[in-house]
PDB file of N, CA and C in Angstrom:
ATOM      1  N   MET A   1      87.184  80.236  76.708  1.00  0.00           N
ATOM      2  CA  MET A   1      87.716  79.044  76.088  1.00  0.00           C
ATOM      3  C   MET A   1      88.328  78.118  77.131  1.00  0.00           C
ATOM      4  N   LYS A   2      89.068  78.675  78.093  1.00  0.00           N
ATOM      5  CA  LYS A   2      89.686  77.853  79.123  1.00  0.00           C
ATOM      6  C   LYS A   2      88.633  77.210  80.027  1.00  0.00           C
ATOM      7  N   THR A   3      87.516  77.911  80.239  1.00  0.00           N
ATOM      8  CA  THR A   3      86.469  77.333  81.085  1.00  0.00           C
ATOM      9  C   THR A   3      85.817  76.130  80.404  1.00  0.00           C
ATOM     10  N   THR A   4      85.773  76.140  79.082  1.00  0.00           N
ATOM     11  CA  THR A   4      85.223  74.995  78.348  1.00  0.00           C
ATOM     12  C   THR A   4      86.100  73.765  78.557  1.00  0.00           C
ATOM     13  N   TYR A   5      87.416  73.959  78.478  1.00  0.00           N
ATOM     14  CA  TYR A   5      88.332  72.841  78.707  1.00  0.00           C
ATOM     15  C   TYR A   5      88.196  72.318  80.127  1.00  0.00           C
ATOM     16  N   LEU A   6      88.115  73.232  81.072  1.00  0.00           N
ATOM     17  CA  LEU A   6      87.964  72.838  82.470  1.00  0.00           C
ATOM     18  C   LEU A   6      86.667  72.065  82.666  1.00  0.00           C
ATOM     19  N   PHE A   7      85.602  72.515  82.038  1.00  0.00           N
ATOM     20  CA  PHE A   7      84.316  71.840  82.138  1.00  0.00           C
ATOM     21  C   PHE A   7      84.397  70.413  81.576  1.00  0.00           C
ATOM     22  N   VAL A   8      85.027  70.256  80.419  1.00  0.00           N
ATOM     23  CA  VAL A   8      85.169  68.932  79.805  1.00  0.00           C
ATOM     24  C   VAL A   8      85.997  68.012  80.693  1.00  0.00           C
ATOM     25  N   VAL A   9      87.086  68.527  81.264  1.00  0.00           N
ATOM     26  CA  VAL A   9      87.937  67.724  82.143  1.00  0.00           C
ATOM     27  C   VAL A   9      87.169  67.313  83.401  1.00  0.00           C
ATOM     28  N   LEU A  10      86.422  68.234  83.985  1.00  0.00           N
ATOM     29  CA  LEU A  10      85.654  67.913  85.186  1.00  0.00           C
ATOM     30  C   LEU A  10      84.574  66.875  84.907  1.00  0.00           C
ATOM     31  N   ILE A  11      83.854  67.025  83.822  1.00  0.00           N
ATOM     32  CA  ILE A  11      82.809  66.063  83.471  1.00  0.00           C
ATOM     33  C   ILE A  11      83.418  64.684  83.222  1.00  0.00           C
ATOM     34  N   THR A  12      84.553  64.636  82.517  1.00  0.00           N
ATOM     35  CA  THR A  12      85.223  63.357  82.262  1.00  0.00           C
ATOM     36  C   THR A  12      85.689  62.729  83.569  1.00  0.00           C
ATOM     37  N   GLY A  13      86.264  63.534  84.461  1.00  0.00           N
ATOM     38  CA  GLY A  13      86.704  63.029  85.757  1.00  0.00           C
ATOM     39  C   GLY A  13      85.564  62.495  86.594  1.00  0.00           C
ATOM     40  N   ILE A  14      84.442  63.196  86.596  1.00  0.00           N
ATOM     41  CA  ILE A  14      83.272  62.740  87.347  1.00  0.00           C
ATOM     42  C   ILE A  14      82.745  61.424  86.764  1.00  0.00           C
ATOM     43  N   ALA A  15      82.715  61.327  85.428  1.00  0.00           N
ATOM     44  CA  ALA A  15      82.242  60.091  84.788  1.00  0.00           C
ATOM     45  C   ALA A  15      83.163  58.920  85.122  1.00  0.00           C
ATOM     46  N   LEU A  16      84.463  59.148  85.122  1.00  0.00           N
ATOM     47  CA  LEU A  16      85.405  58.082  85.454  1.00  0.00           C
ATOM     48  C   LEU A  16      85.282  57.680  86.919  1.00  0.00           C
ATOM     49  N   ALA A  17      85.130  58.643  87.793  1.00  0.00           N
ATOM     50  CA  ALA A  17      84.964  58.327  89.212  1.00  0.00           C
ATOM     51  C   ALA A  17      83.659  57.569  89.445  1.00  0.00           C
ATOM     52  N   TYR A  18      82.601  57.965  88.769  1.00  0.00           N
ATOM     53  CA  TYR A  18      81.320  57.279  88.903  1.00  0.00           C
ATOM     54  C   TYR A  18      81.426  55.828  88.421  1.00  0.00           C
ATOM     55  N   GLY A  19      82.225  55.607  87.382  1.00  0.00           N
ATOM     56  CA  GLY A  19      82.390  54.266  86.841  1.00  0.00           C
ATOM     57  C   GLY A  19      83.122  53.317  87.774  1.00  0.00           C
ATOM     58  N   THR A  20      83.836  53.847  88.740  1.00  0.00           N
ATOM     59  CA  THR A  20      84.586  52.992  89.661  1.00  0.00           C
ATOM     60  C   THR A  20      83.800  52.623  90.910  1.00  0.00           C
ATOM     61  N   ILE A  21      82.606  53.109  91.054  1.00  0.00           N
ATOM     62  CA  ILE A  21      81.819  52.845  92.266  1.00  0.00           C
ATOM     63  C   ILE A  21      81.515  51.357  92.422  1.00  0.00           C
ATOM     64  N   ASP A  22      81.186  50.680  91.330  1.00  0.00           N
ATOM     65  CA  ASP A  22      80.811  49.267  91.403  1.00  0.00           C
ATOM     66  C   ASP A  22      81.994  48.307  91.399  1.00  0.00           C
ATOM     67  N   MET A  23      83.195  48.835  91.280  1.00  0.00           N
ATOM     68  CA  MET A  23      84.357  47.952  91.244  1.00  0.00           C
ATOM     69  C   MET A  23      84.610  47.334  92.616  1.00  0.00           C
ATOM     70  N   PRO A  24      85.081  46.088  92.641  1.00  0.00           N
ATOM     71  CA  PRO A  24      85.411  45.477  93.931  1.00  0.00           C
ATOM     72  C   PRO A  24      86.665  46.132  94.511  1.00  0.00           C
ATOM     73  N   ASN A  25      86.837  46.015  95.809  1.00  0.00           N
ATOM     74  CA  ASN A  25      88.023  46.569  96.456  1.00  0.00           C
ATOM     75  C   ASN A  25      89.271  45.873  95.945  1.00  0.00           C
ATOM     76  N   PHE A  26      90.390  46.579  96.007  1.00  0.00           N
ATOM     77  CA  PHE A  26      91.657  46.029  95.539  1.00  0.00           C
ATOM     78  C   PHE A  26      92.033  44.821  96.387  1.00  0.00           C
ATOM     79  N   GLY A  27      92.305  43.696  95.727  1.00  0.00           N
ATOM     80  CA  GLY A  27      92.700  42.477  96.423  1.00  0.00           C
ATOM     81  C   GLY A  27      91.557  41.711  97.052  1.00  0.00           C
ATOM     82  N   ASP A  28      90.335  42.062  96.726  1.00  0.00           N
ATOM     83  CA  ASP A  28      89.171  41.392  97.304  1.00  0.00           C
ATOM     84  C   ASP A  28      89.125  39.934  96.828  1.00  0.00           C
ATOM     85  N   PRO A  29      89.180  38.966  97.737  1.00  0.00           N
ATOM     86  CA  PRO A  29      89.151  37.566  97.310  1.00  0.00           C
ATOM     87  C   PRO A  29      87.801  37.146  96.738  1.00  0.00           C
ATOM     88  N   GLN A  30      86.768  37.929  96.967  1.00  0.00           N
ATOM     89  CA  GLN A  30      85.441  37.605  96.436  1.00  0.00           C
ATOM     90  C   GLN A  30      85.164  38.282  95.089  1.00  0.00           C
ATOM     91  N   ALA A  31      86.157  38.952  94.524  1.00  0.00           N
ATOM     92  CA  ALA A  31      85.994  39.621  93.227  1.00  0.00           C
ATOM     93  C   ALA A  31      85.751  38.581  92.130  1.00  0.00           C
ATOM     94  N   PRO A  32      84.972  38.921  91.111  1.00  0.00           N
ATOM     95  CA  PRO A  32      84.682  37.962  90.042  1.00  0.00           C
ATOM     96  C   PRO A  32      85.931  37.423  89.346  1.00  0.00           C
ATOM     97  N   ALA A  33      86.944  38.231  89.192  1.00  0.00           N
ATOM     98  CA  ALA A  33      88.164  37.764  88.520  1.00  0.00           C
ATOM     99  C   ALA A  33      88.831  36.644  89.300  1.00  0.00           C
ATOM    100  N   ASN A  34      88.679  36.650  90.620  1.00  0.00           N
ATOM    101  CA  ASN A  34      89.301  35.615  91.442  1.00  0.00           C
ATOM    102  C   ASN A  34      88.496  34.322  91.462  1.00  0.00           C
ATOM    103  N   HIS A  35      87.274  34.357  90.970  1.00  0.00           N
ATOM    104  CA  HIS A  35      86.437  33.158  90.963  1.00  0.00           C
ATOM    105  C   HIS A  35      86.325  32.516  89.588  1.00  0.00           C
ATOM    106  N   HIS A  36      86.537  33.289  88.530  1.00  0.00           N
ATOM    107  CA  HIS A  36      86.335  32.749  87.191  1.00  0.00           C
ATOM    108  C   HIS A  36      87.632  32.634  86.402  1.00  0.00           C
ATOM    109  N   VAL A  37      88.398  33.695  86.342  1.00  0.00           N
ATOM    110  CA  VAL A  37      89.569  33.731  85.475  1.00  0.00           C
ATOM    111  C   VAL A  37      90.787  33.095  86.137  1.00  0.00           C
ATOM    112  N   ALA A  38      91.122  33.538  87.323  1.00  0.00           N
ATOM    113  CA  ALA A  38      92.351  33.081  87.988  1.00  0.00           C
ATOM    114  C   ALA A  38      92.391  31.566  88.192  1.00  0.00           C
ATOM    115  N   PRO A  39      91.332  30.935  88.691  1.00  0.00           N
ATOM    116  CA  PRO A  39      91.410  29.478  88.860  1.00  0.00           C
ATOM    117  C   PRO A  39      91.635  28.725  87.542  1.00  0.00           C
ATOM    118  N   ARG A  40      91.042  29.208  86.480  1.00  0.00           N
ATOM    119  CA  ARG A  40      91.242  28.543  85.185  1.00  0.00           C
ATOM    120  C   ARG A  40      92.693  28.649  84.751  1.00  0.00           C
ATOM    121  N   TYR A  41      93.276  29.834  84.886  1.00  0.00           N
ATOM    122  CA  TYR A  41      94.687  29.990  84.532  1.00  0.00           C
ATOM    123  C   TYR A  41      95.573  29.082  85.391  1.00  0.00           C
ATOM    124  N   ILE A  42      95.285  29.020  86.669  1.00  0.00           N
ATOM    125  CA  ILE A  42      96.117  28.221  87.575  1.00  0.00           C
ATOM    126  C   ILE A  42      96.005  26.728  87.248  1.00  0.00           C
ATOM    127  N   GLU A  43      94.812  26.270  86.958  1.00  0.00           N
ATOM    128  CA  GLU A  43      94.596  24.838  86.740  1.00  0.00           C
ATOM    129  C   GLU A  43      94.945  24.369  85.330  1.00  0.00           C
ATOM    130  N   LYS A  44      94.684  25.172  84.313  1.00  0.00           N
ATOM    131  CA  LYS A  44      94.775  24.696  82.929  1.00  0.00           C
ATOM    132  C   LYS A  44      95.964  25.244  82.138  1.00  0.00           C
ATOM    133  N   THR A  45      96.756  26.121  82.729  1.00  0.00           N
ATOM    134  CA  THR A  45      97.824  26.768  81.969  1.00  0.00           C
ATOM    135  C   THR A  45      98.799  25.773  81.370  1.00  0.00           C
ATOM    136  N   HIS A  46      99.318  24.890  82.165  1.00  0.00           N
ATOM    137  CA  HIS A  46     100.332  23.961  81.661  1.00  0.00           C
ATOM    138  C   HIS A  46      99.749  22.998  80.623  1.00  0.00           C
ATOM    139  N   GLU A  47      98.512  22.568  80.823  1.00  0.00           N
ATOM    140  CA  GLU A  47      97.877  21.659  79.870  1.00  0.00           C
ATOM    141  C   GLU A  47      97.657  22.330  78.508  1.00  0.00           C
ATOM    142  N   GLU A  48      97.161  23.558  78.524  1.00  0.00           N
ATOM    143  CA  GLU A  48      96.782  24.225  77.286  1.00  0.00           C
ATOM    144  C   GLU A  48      97.955  24.843  76.535  1.00  0.00           C
ATOM    145  N   THR A  49      98.977  25.291  77.261  1.00  0.00           N
ATOM    146  CA  THR A  49     100.070  25.998  76.591  1.00  0.00           C
ATOM    147  C   THR A  49     101.370  25.221  76.572  1.00  0.00           C
ATOM    148  N   GLY A  50     101.584  24.359  77.542  1.00  0.00           N
ATOM    149  CA  GLY A  50     102.838  23.629  77.631  1.00  0.00           C
ATOM    150  C   GLY A  50     103.974  24.444  78.214  1.00  0.00           C
ATOM    151  N   VAL A  51     103.673  25.608  78.760  1.00  0.00           N
ATOM    152  CA  VAL A  51     104.685  26.488  79.346  1.00  0.00           C
ATOM    153  C   VAL A  51     104.628  26.335  80.857  1.00  0.00           C
ATOM    154  N   ASP A  52     105.792  26.162  81.486  1.00  0.00           N
ATOM    155  CA  ASP A  52     105.832  25.962  82.938  1.00  0.00           C
ATOM    156  C   ASP A  52     105.544  27.241  83.711  1.00  0.00           C
ATOM    157  N   ASN A  53     106.038  28.373  83.231  1.00  0.00           N
ATOM    158  CA  ASN A  53     105.862  29.641  83.931  1.00  0.00           C
ATOM    159  C   ASN A  53     104.470  30.206  83.627  1.00  0.00           C
ATOM    160  N   MET A  54     103.665  30.389  84.666  1.00  0.00           N
ATOM    161  CA  MET A  54     102.284  30.815  84.477  1.00  0.00           C
ATOM    162  C   MET A  54     102.185  32.230  83.907  1.00  0.00           C
ATOM    163  N   VAL A  55     103.033  33.140  84.377  1.00  0.00           N
ATOM    164  CA  VAL A  55     102.994  34.526  83.891  1.00  0.00           C
ATOM    165  C   VAL A  55     103.350  34.570  82.407  1.00  0.00           C
ATOM    166  N   THR A  56     104.380  33.855  82.033  1.00  0.00           N
ATOM    167  CA  THR A  56     104.784  33.821  80.629  1.00  0.00           C
ATOM    168  C   THR A  56     103.690  33.236  79.758  1.00  0.00           C
ATOM    169  N   SER A  57     103.043  32.183  80.230  1.00  0.00           N
ATOM    170  CA  SER A  57     101.991  31.573  79.420  1.00  0.00           C
ATOM    171  C   SER A  57     100.801  32.501  79.248  1.00  0.00           C
ATOM    172  N   VAL A  58     100.446  33.245  80.284  1.00  0.00           N
ATOM    173  CA  VAL A  58      99.319  34.170  80.165  1.00  0.00           C
ATOM    174  C   VAL A  58      99.657  35.285  79.195  1.00  0.00           C
ATOM    175  N   LEU A  59     100.862  35.873  79.327  1.00  0.00           N
ATOM    176  CA  LEU A  59     101.233  36.990  78.447  1.00  0.00           C
ATOM    177  C   LEU A  59     101.485  36.548  77.015  1.00  0.00           C
ATOM    178  N   ALA A  60     102.094  35.389  76.833  1.00  0.00           N
ATOM    179  CA  ALA A  60     102.465  34.966  75.488  1.00  0.00           C
ATOM    180  C   ALA A  60     101.355  34.202  74.780  1.00  0.00           C
ATOM    181  N   SER A  61     100.614  33.368  75.500  1.00  0.00           N
ATOM    182  CA  SER A  61      99.620  32.522  74.832  1.00  0.00           C
ATOM    183  C   SER A  61      98.217  33.098  74.907  1.00  0.00           C
ATOM    184  N   TYR A  62      97.728  33.332  76.105  1.00  0.00           N
ATOM    185  CA  TYR A  62      96.350  33.792  76.251  1.00  0.00           C
ATOM    186  C   TYR A  62      96.173  35.231  75.778  1.00  0.00           C
ATOM    187  N   ARG A  63      97.162  36.076  76.062  1.00  0.00           N
ATOM    188  CA  ARG A  63      97.047  37.487  75.702  1.00  0.00           C
ATOM    189  C   ARG A  63      98.092  37.871  74.670  1.00  0.00           C
ATOM    190  N   GLY A  64      98.437  36.964  73.790  1.00  0.00           N
ATOM    191  CA  GLY A  64      99.501  37.200  72.819  1.00  0.00           C
ATOM    192  C   GLY A  64      99.247  38.376  71.902  1.00  0.00           C
ATOM    193  N   TYR A  65      98.047  38.466  71.340  1.00  0.00           N
ATOM    194  CA  TYR A  65      97.738  39.574  70.441  1.00  0.00           C
ATOM    195  C   TYR A  65      97.764  40.905  71.187  1.00  0.00           C
ATOM    196  N   ASP A  66      97.241  40.917  72.388  1.00  0.00           N
ATOM    197  CA  ASP A  66      97.227  42.133  73.179  1.00  0.00           C
ATOM    198  C   ASP A  66      98.644  42.588  73.511  1.00  0.00           C
ATOM    199  N   THR A  67      99.477  41.642  73.940  1.00  0.00           N
ATOM    200  CA  THR A  67     100.868  41.964  74.273  1.00  0.00           C
ATOM    201  C   THR A  67     101.614  42.444  73.039  1.00  0.00           C
ATOM    202  N   PHE A  68     101.388  41.789  71.903  1.00  0.00           N
ATOM    203  CA  PHE A  68     102.030  42.219  70.658  1.00  0.00           C
ATOM    204  C   PHE A  68     101.570  43.621  70.275  1.00  0.00           C
ATOM    205  N   GLY A  69     100.295  43.905  70.447  1.00  0.00           N
ATOM    206  CA  GLY A  69      99.782  45.242  70.141  1.00  0.00           C
ATOM    207  C   GLY A  69     100.403  46.308  71.027  1.00  0.00           C
ATOM    208  N   GLU A  70     100.530  46.029  72.323  1.00  0.00           N
ATOM    209  CA  GLU A  70     101.151  46.986  73.228  1.00  0.00           C
ATOM    210  C   GLU A  70     102.609  47.225  72.858  1.00  0.00           C
ATOM    211  N   THR A  71     103.312  46.157  72.518  1.00  0.00           N
ATOM    212  CA  THR A  71     104.715  46.293  72.117  1.00  0.00           C
ATOM    213  C   THR A  71     104.837  47.123  70.848  1.00  0.00           C
ATOM    214  N   THR A  72     103.938  46.908  69.910  1.00  0.00           N
ATOM    215  CA  THR A  72     103.954  47.675  68.665  1.00  0.00           C
ATOM    216  C   THR A  72     103.703  49.156  68.929  1.00  0.00           C
ATOM    217  N   VAL A  73     102.766  49.466  69.796  1.00  0.00           N
ATOM    218  CA  VAL A  73     102.468  50.863  70.118  1.00  0.00           C
ATOM    219  C   VAL A  73     103.669  51.532  70.770  1.00  0.00           C
ATOM    220  N   ILE A  74     104.311  50.854  71.719  1.00  0.00           N
ATOM    221  CA  ILE A  74     105.472  51.433  72.398  1.00  0.00           C
ATOM    222  C   ILE A  74     106.626  51.617  71.423  1.00  0.00           C
ATOM    223  N   PHE A  75     106.871  50.646  70.543  1.00  0.00           N
ATOM    224  CA  PHE A  75     107.925  50.760  69.544  1.00  0.00           C
ATOM    225  C   PHE A  75     107.659  51.932  68.601  1.00  0.00           C
ATOM    226  N   THR A  76     106.412  52.056  68.135  1.00  0.00           N
ATOM    227  CA  THR A  76     106.049  53.148  67.236  1.00  0.00           C
ATOM    228  C   THR A  76     106.226  54.503  67.919  1.00  0.00           C
ATOM    229  N   ALA A  77     105.828  54.599  69.179  1.00  0.00           N
ATOM    230  CA  ALA A  77     105.999  55.854  69.915  1.00  0.00           C
ATOM    231  C   ALA A  77     107.479  56.193  70.062  1.00  0.00           C
ATOM    232  N   GLY A  78     108.317  55.194  70.330  1.00  0.00           N
ATOM    233  CA  GLY A  78     109.757  55.437  70.449  1.00  0.00           C
ATOM    234  C   GLY A  78     110.360  55.932  69.148  1.00  0.00           C
ATOM    235  N   ILE A  79     109.973  55.315  68.036  1.00  0.00           N
ATOM    236  CA  ILE A  79     110.467  55.745  66.725  1.00  0.00           C
ATOM    237  C   ILE A  79     110.024  57.180  66.436  1.00  0.00           C
ATOM    238  N   CYS A  80     108.783  57.519  66.776  1.00  0.00           N
ATOM    239  CA  CYS A  80     108.288  58.882  66.548  1.00  0.00           C
ATOM    240  C   CYS A  80     109.073  59.897  67.374  1.00  0.00           C
ATOM    241  N   VAL A  81     109.374  59.566  68.611  1.00  0.00           N
ATOM    242  CA  VAL A  81     110.159  60.480  69.454  1.00  0.00           C
ATOM    243  C   VAL A  81     111.547  60.673  68.872  1.00  0.00           C
ATOM    244  N   ILE A  82     112.169  59.601  68.426  1.00  0.00           N
ATOM    245  CA  ILE A  82     113.501  59.713  67.815  1.00  0.00           C
ATOM    246  C   ILE A  82     113.447  60.587  66.569  1.00  0.00           C
ATOM    247  N   LEU A  83     112.433  60.388  65.740  1.00  0.00           N
ATOM    248  CA  LEU A  83     112.314  61.185  64.520  1.00  0.00           C
ATOM    249  C   LEU A  83     112.053  62.655  64.825  1.00  0.00           C
ATOM    250  N   LEU A  84     111.301  62.928  65.865  1.00  0.00           N
ATOM    251  CA  LEU A  84     111.008  64.317  66.218  1.00  0.00           C
ATOM    252  C   LEU A  84     112.200  65.022  66.850  1.00  0.00           C
ATOM    253  N   LEU A  85     113.005  64.295  67.605  1.00  0.00           N
ATOM    254  CA  LEU A  85     114.095  64.923  68.336  1.00  0.00           C
ATOM    255  C   LEU A  85     115.436  64.918  67.602  1.00  0.00           C
ATOM    256  N   ARG A  86     115.546  64.189  66.521  1.00  0.00           N
ATOM    257  CA  ARG A  86     116.830  64.128  65.837  1.00  0.00           C
ATOM    258  C   ARG A  86     117.095  65.426  65.088  1.00  0.00           C
ATOM    259  N   GLU A  87     118.339  65.675  64.885  1.00  0.00           N
ATOM    260  CA  GLU A  87     118.737  66.872  64.158  1.00  0.00           C
ATOM    261  C   GLU A  87     119.207  66.436  62.776  1.00  0.00           C
ATOM    262  N   THR A  88     118.611  67.004  61.749  1.00  0.00           N
ATOM    263  CA  THR A  88     118.962  66.599  60.390  1.00  0.00           C
ATOM    264  C   THR A  88     120.283  67.230  59.972  1.00  0.00           C
ATOM    265  N   ARG A  89     120.871  66.723  58.890  1.00  0.00           N
ATOM    266  CA  ARG A  89     122.143  67.256  58.394  1.00  0.00           C
ATOM    267  C   ARG A  89     121.998  68.711  57.974  1.00  0.00           C
ATOM    268  N   ASP A  90     120.852  69.031  57.366  1.00  0.00           N
ATOM    269  CA  ASP A  90     120.636  70.410  56.928  1.00  0.00           C
ATOM    270  C   ASP A  90     120.619  71.358  58.119  1.00  0.00           C
ATOM    271  N   ASN A  91     119.971  70.942  59.193  1.00  0.00           N
ATOM    272  CA  ASN A  91     119.921  71.787  60.381  1.00  0.00           C
ATOM    273  C   ASN A  91     121.300  71.952  60.994  1.00  0.00           C
ATOM    274  N   LYS A  92     122.124  70.890  60.972  1.00  0.00           N
ATOM    275  CA  LYS A  92     123.485  70.979  61.508  1.00  0.00           C
ATOM    276  C   LYS A  92     124.308  71.966  60.705  1.00  0.00           C
ATOM    277  N   LYS A  93     124.197  71.914  59.361  1.00  0.00           N
ATOM    278  CA  LYS A  93     124.957  72.836  58.514  1.00  0.00           C
ATOM    279  C   LYS A  93     124.525  74.276  58.753  1.00  0.00           C
ATOM    280  N   LYS A  94     123.216  74.502  58.896  1.00  0.00           N
ATOM    281  CA  LYS A  94     122.724  75.852  59.155  1.00  0.00           C
ATOM    282  C   LYS A  94     123.245  76.372  60.495  1.00  0.00           C
ATOM    283  N   ASN A  95     123.233  75.523  61.505  1.00  0.00           N
ATOM    284  CA  ASN A  95     123.729  75.937  62.820  1.00  0.00           C
ATOM    285  C   ASN A  95     125.225  76.246  62.773  1.00  0.00           C
ATOM    286  N   ARG A  96     125.989  75.450  62.012  1.00  0.00           N
ATOM    287  CA  ARG A  96     127.434  75.700  61.911  1.00  0.00           C
ATOM    288  C   ARG A  96     127.710  77.012  61.188  1.00  0.00           C
ATOM    289  N   ARG A  97     126.936  77.297  60.134  1.00  0.00           N
ATOM    290  CA  ARG A  97     127.124  78.538  59.392  1.00  0.00           C
ATOM    291  C   ARG A  97     126.825  79.745  60.286  1.00  0.00           C
ATOM    292  N   LYS A  98     125.787  79.629  61.111  1.00  0.00           N
ATOM    293  CA  LYS A  98     125.447  80.727  62.010  1.00  0.00           C
ATOM    294  C   LYS A  98     126.566  80.981  63.005  1.00  0.00           C
ATOM    295  N   LYS A  99     127.235  79.919  63.433  1.00  0.00           N
ATOM    296  CA  LYS A  99     128.312  80.042  64.414  1.00  0.00           C
ATOM    297  C   LYS A  99     129.633  80.390  63.750  1.00  0.00           C
ATOM    298  N   GLY A 100     129.711  80.303  62.411  1.00  0.00           N
ATOM    299  CA  GLY A 100     130.934  80.619  61.700  1.00  0.00           C
ATOM    300  C   GLY A 100     131.904  79.456  61.638  1.00  0.00           C
ATOM    301  N   VAL A 101     131.425  78.235  61.826  1.00  0.00           N
ATOM    302  CA  VAL A 101     132.281  77.058  61.765  1.00  0.00           C
ATOM    303  C   VAL A 101     132.178  76.453  60.375  1.00  0.00           C
ATOM    304  N   ARG A 102     133.339  76.118  59.780  1.00  0.00           N
ATOM    305  CA  ARG A 102     133.325  75.492  58.455  1.00  0.00           C
ATOM    306  C   ARG A 102     133.325  73.974  58.612  1.00  0.00           C
ATOM    307  N   SER A 103     132.586  73.304  57.712  1.00  0.00           N
ATOM    308  CA  SER A 103     132.573  71.834  57.783  1.00  0.00           C
ATOM    309  C   SER A 103     133.444  71.218  56.750  1.00  0.00           C
TER     310      SER A 103
END
């Protein structure tokens, strides 16, 4: 059973590594993102959004739904962790009874 998990992890790792072969080098000025997306953001951001800060305009206007989705996922995960780690009143009473403490 453990070898099956190892096999799946190795195959997934190999597939992910293979997928990165065609990627441009980090910071490559000839990368497609630097020729198509970045110049448009730099030139048209203030006209299209009316926001002076370029980073804020990209996150809030161009990628607003994506940013909202990420925030929702992080908030939901935080609430789930709180719900999983909290101690209920019933559990507190049971623990006190075991220790011999009266409430």
